[in-house]
Amino acid sequence: MGHAISLLELGRYADALKKLEKLKAQGPEGKTPTVALAFARAYEGLGRNEEAEDAYRFAADRVPGLESGGRYVAFMAKTGRREDAEIGFQEIERRLAKIAPPLRAEARTWRDLAAKALGRH
């Protein structure tokens, strides 16, 4: 998983997808929400938006923190689903307000990613 994430960060989506597919084939540990988020990022990077949509939707409700939601909102904004992205953004704002102060800086990173995709700052 760590190697796949590194490949995603480098923009090597096809290589990351190969690693993720190997992980998925190994059993239940390859089918977690965190793995789904990585699949979503790889699919999006490869322009496979329908598969990315399914993976983002699965991960957004299940991965702790705001990363999956922020990435999903940015994806929806990028793919022309602004109304859905706005609804998702409002949920991120609601959740951010409830996060303990020491954890807000990291959470704000994902809120800001979503805001930028929506043209906010």
Protein backbone atom coordinates (compact mmCIF):
# COMPACT_ATOMS: atom_id res chain seq x y z
CA MET A 1 0.00 0.00 0.00
CA GLY A 2 2.80 2.41 0.87
CA HIS A 3 4.45 1.88 -2.50
CA ALA A 4 1.14 2.49 -4.29
CA ILE A 5 0.60 5.74 -2.36
CA SER A 6 4.12 6.87 -3.27
CA LEU A 7 3.42 6.15 -6.93
CA LEU A 8 0.16 8.13 -6.72
CA GLU A 9 2.02 11.10 -5.26
CA LEU A 10 4.46 10.89 -8.17
CA GLY A 11 1.61 10.86 -10.69
CA ARG A 12 2.45 7.31 -11.80
CA TYR A 13 -1.17 6.19 -11.80
CA ALA A 14 -0.84 3.08 -13.98
CA ASP A 15 1.99 1.74 -11.81
CA ALA A 16 0.01 2.53 -8.66
CA LEU A 17 -3.03 0.74 -10.05
CA LYS A 18 -0.95 -2.40 -10.70
CA LYS A 19 0.24 -2.39 -7.07
CA LEU A 20 -3.29 -1.84 -5.80
CA GLU A 21 -4.65 -4.67 -7.93
CA LYS A 22 -2.01 -7.01 -6.47
CA LEU A 23 -2.98 -5.90 -2.98
CA LYS A 24 -6.68 -6.43 -3.70
CA ALA A 25 -5.97 -9.96 -4.96
CA GLN A 26 -4.37 -10.86 -1.61
CA GLY A 27 -7.68 -10.83 0.23
CA PRO A 28 -9.65 -8.67 2.65
CA GLU A 29 -6.77 -6.31 3.48
CA GLY A 30 -6.91 -5.17 -0.13
CA LYS A 31 -10.56 -4.21 0.04
CA THR A 32 -10.58 -1.60 2.80
CA PRO A 33 -11.94 1.94 2.46
CA THR A 34 -8.39 3.31 2.51
CA VAL A 35 -7.47 1.06 -0.40
CA ALA A 36 -10.65 2.19 -2.19
CA LEU A 37 -9.49 5.81 -1.81
CA ALA A 38 -6.16 4.91 -3.40
CA PHE A 39 -7.99 3.14 -6.25
CA ALA A 40 -10.13 6.25 -6.74
CA ARG A 41 -7.05 8.43 -7.05
CA ALA A 42 -5.45 6.03 -9.55
CA TYR A 43 -8.63 5.77 -11.63
CA GLU A 44 -9.05 9.54 -11.64
CA GLY A 45 -5.43 10.01 -12.70
CA LEU A 46 -6.02 7.63 -15.59
CA GLY A 47 -9.25 9.35 -16.64
CA ARG A 48 -11.37 6.36 -15.64
CA ASN A 49 -13.94 8.61 -14.00
CA GLU A 50 -16.79 6.12 -13.68
CA GLU A 51 -14.60 3.74 -11.67
CA ALA A 52 -13.17 6.67 -9.72
CA GLU A 53 -16.70 7.81 -8.85
CA ASP A 54 -17.63 4.43 -7.37
CA ALA A 55 -14.42 4.18 -5.37
CA TYR A 56 -14.63 7.77 -4.08
CA ARG A 57 -18.25 7.31 -3.05
CA PHE A 58 -17.36 4.13 -1.12
CA ALA A 59 -14.33 5.70 0.58
CA ALA A 60 -15.89 9.08 1.38
CA ASP A 61 -18.31 7.63 3.92
CA ARG A 62 -15.87 5.17 5.46
CA VAL A 63 -12.35 6.63 5.73
CA PRO A 64 -11.82 8.59 8.96
CA GLY A 65 -10.84 12.23 8.61
CA LEU A 66 -11.57 14.61 5.77
CA GLU A 67 -9.16 13.42 3.06
CA SER A 68 -11.58 11.13 1.24
CA GLY A 69 -14.40 13.68 1.39
CA GLY A 70 -12.16 16.52 0.26
CA ARG A 71 -10.81 14.52 -2.65
CA TYR A 72 -14.32 13.39 -3.62
CA VAL A 73 -15.66 16.96 -3.59
CA ALA A 74 -12.71 18.08 -5.73
CA PHE A 75 -13.37 15.19 -8.13
CA MET A 76 -17.07 16.09 -8.42
CA ALA A 77 -16.21 19.74 -9.08
CA LYS A 78 -13.67 18.72 -11.72
CA THR A 79 -16.14 16.43 -13.48
CA GLY A 80 -18.91 19.03 -13.69
CA ARG A 81 -21.04 17.97 -10.72
CA ARG A 82 -20.90 21.33 -8.99
CA GLU A 83 -24.22 21.01 -7.14
CA ASP A 84 -23.17 17.69 -5.60
CA ALA A 85 -19.73 19.12 -4.85
CA GLU A 86 -21.31 22.07 -3.03
CA ILE A 87 -23.38 19.70 -0.88
CA GLY A 88 -20.26 17.67 -0.10
CA PHE A 89 -18.34 20.84 0.73
CA GLN A 90 -20.99 21.90 3.23
CA GLU A 91 -20.62 18.49 4.92
CA ILE A 92 -16.86 18.98 5.11
CA GLU A 93 -17.38 22.40 6.70
CA ARG A 94 -19.78 20.88 9.23
CA ARG A 95 -17.35 18.10 10.11
CA LEU A 96 -14.37 20.46 10.29
CA ALA A 97 -16.12 22.55 12.93
CA LYS A 98 -16.42 19.45 15.15
CA ILE A 99 -12.79 18.35 14.89
CA ALA A 100 -10.60 18.86 17.95
CA PRO A 101 -8.37 21.94 17.61
CA PRO A 102 -5.06 20.00 17.56
CA LEU A 103 -6.27 18.03 14.51
CA ARG A 104 -7.78 20.91 12.54
CA ALA A 105 -4.64 21.91 10.62
CA GLU A 106 -4.44 18.56 8.86
CA ALA A 107 -8.19 18.48 8.29
CA ARG A 108 -8.12 22.02 6.89
CA THR A 109 -5.72 20.80 4.16
CA TRP A 110 -8.51 18.62 2.75
CA ARG A 111 -11.14 21.31 3.22
CA ASP A 112 -8.91 23.71 1.30
CA LEU A 113 -8.40 21.18 -1.52
CA ALA A 114 -12.17 20.98 -1.93
CA ALA A 115 -12.58 24.76 -1.67
CA LYS A 116 -9.95 25.37 -4.35
CA ALA A 117 -11.69 22.93 -6.71
CA LEU A 118 -14.90 24.93 -6.20
CA GLY A 119 -13.11 28.22 -6.83
CA ARG A 120 -13.18 29.32 -3.19
CA HIS A 121 -10.26 30.26 -1.01
